[in-house]
């Protein structure tokens, strides 16, 4: 991706796109981590399962913050 893209190509300013991208990645990560938690649980590795649960909670927090930021900037609800 060109570092000079400022919304001319996508129609979305970089800073807005960045918030959208960040939020989507946090949500995607939370979903993926659910698989990792289940894999660890299936193998009886409670320490690893808890590690992934904490990471998943952090991803959810990031997604919520991103949704709040989007709502405040675009006038919608989170």
Protein backbone atom coordinates (compact mmCIF):
# COMPACT_ATOMS: atom_id res chain seq x y z
CA UNK A 1 0.00 0.00 0.00
CA UNK A 2 1.33 3.42 -0.90
CA UNK A 3 2.24 5.65 2.01
CA UNK A 4 0.87 8.65 0.12
CA UNK A 5 -2.74 7.37 0.02
CA UNK A 6 -4.86 9.87 1.94
CA UNK A 7 -8.32 8.76 0.90
CA UNK A 8 -8.17 9.62 -2.78
CA UNK A 9 -8.15 5.96 -3.81
CA UNK A 10 -10.28 4.42 -1.06
CA UNK A 11 -12.57 7.33 -0.33
CA UNK A 12 -11.71 6.98 3.35
CA UNK A 13 -9.14 9.12 5.12
CA UNK A 14 -6.19 7.16 6.49
CA UNK A 15 -6.98 8.00 10.11
CA UNK A 16 -10.57 6.76 9.73
CA UNK A 17 -9.45 3.66 7.85
CA UNK A 18 -6.88 2.99 10.57
CA UNK A 19 -9.57 2.98 13.28
CA UNK A 20 -11.76 0.69 11.18
CA UNK A 21 -8.84 -1.64 10.46
CA UNK A 22 -7.77 -1.73 14.11
CA UNK A 23 -11.29 -2.56 15.28
CA UNK A 24 -11.69 -5.31 12.69
CA UNK A 25 -8.34 -6.82 13.62
CA UNK A 26 -9.22 -6.84 17.32
CA UNK A 27 -12.52 -8.59 16.59
CA UNK A 28 -10.84 -11.07 14.26
CA UNK A 29 -8.17 -11.76 16.85
CA UNK A 30 -10.79 -12.40 19.56
CA UNK A 31 -12.45 -14.95 17.29
CA UNK A 32 -9.18 -16.67 16.42
CA UNK A 33 -8.14 -16.82 20.06
CA UNK A 34 -11.34 -18.74 20.87
CA UNK A 35 -9.95 -21.56 18.72
CA UNK A 36 -6.62 -21.36 20.52
CA UNK A 37 -8.34 -21.53 23.91
CA UNK A 38 -10.28 -24.63 22.86
CA UNK A 39 -7.12 -26.26 21.45
CA UNK A 40 -5.27 -25.68 24.72
CA UNK A 41 -8.22 -26.93 26.78
CA UNK A 42 -8.53 -30.03 24.64
CA UNK A 43 -4.87 -30.80 25.34
CA UNK A 44 -5.33 -30.12 29.06
CA UNK A 45 -3.01 -27.10 29.05
CA UNK A 46 -4.86 -24.78 31.42
CA UNK A 47 -1.95 -22.35 31.68
CA UNK A 48 -1.95 -21.79 27.92
CA UNK A 49 -5.74 -21.62 27.77
CA UNK A 50 -5.72 -18.88 30.42
CA UNK A 51 -2.97 -17.03 28.55
CA UNK A 52 -5.13 -17.02 25.41
CA UNK A 53 -8.22 -15.98 27.42
CA UNK A 54 -6.34 -12.94 28.75
CA UNK A 55 -5.18 -12.07 25.23
CA UNK A 56 -8.75 -12.50 24.00
CA UNK A 57 -10.03 -10.14 26.72
CA UNK A 58 -7.46 -7.55 25.64
CA UNK A 59 -8.58 -7.92 22.02
CA UNK A 60 -12.20 -7.42 23.06
CA UNK A 61 -11.22 -4.29 24.98
CA UNK A 62 -9.42 -2.96 21.92
CA UNK A 63 -12.45 -3.68 19.75
CA UNK A 64 -14.77 -1.91 22.18
CA UNK A 65 -12.50 1.12 22.32
CA UNK A 66 -12.33 1.14 18.51
CA UNK A 67 -16.12 0.91 18.22
CA UNK A 68 -16.51 3.78 20.70
CA UNK A 69 -14.03 5.86 18.72
CA UNK A 70 -15.86 5.15 15.47
CA UNK A 71 -19.22 5.98 17.02
CA UNK A 72 -17.98 9.26 18.42
CA UNK A 73 -16.42 10.27 15.12
CA UNK A 74 -19.26 9.15 12.85
CA UNK A 75 -22.20 9.93 15.12
CA UNK A 76 -23.45 6.36 15.49
CA UNK A 77 -23.93 3.99 18.35
CA UNK A 78 -21.29 1.52 19.53
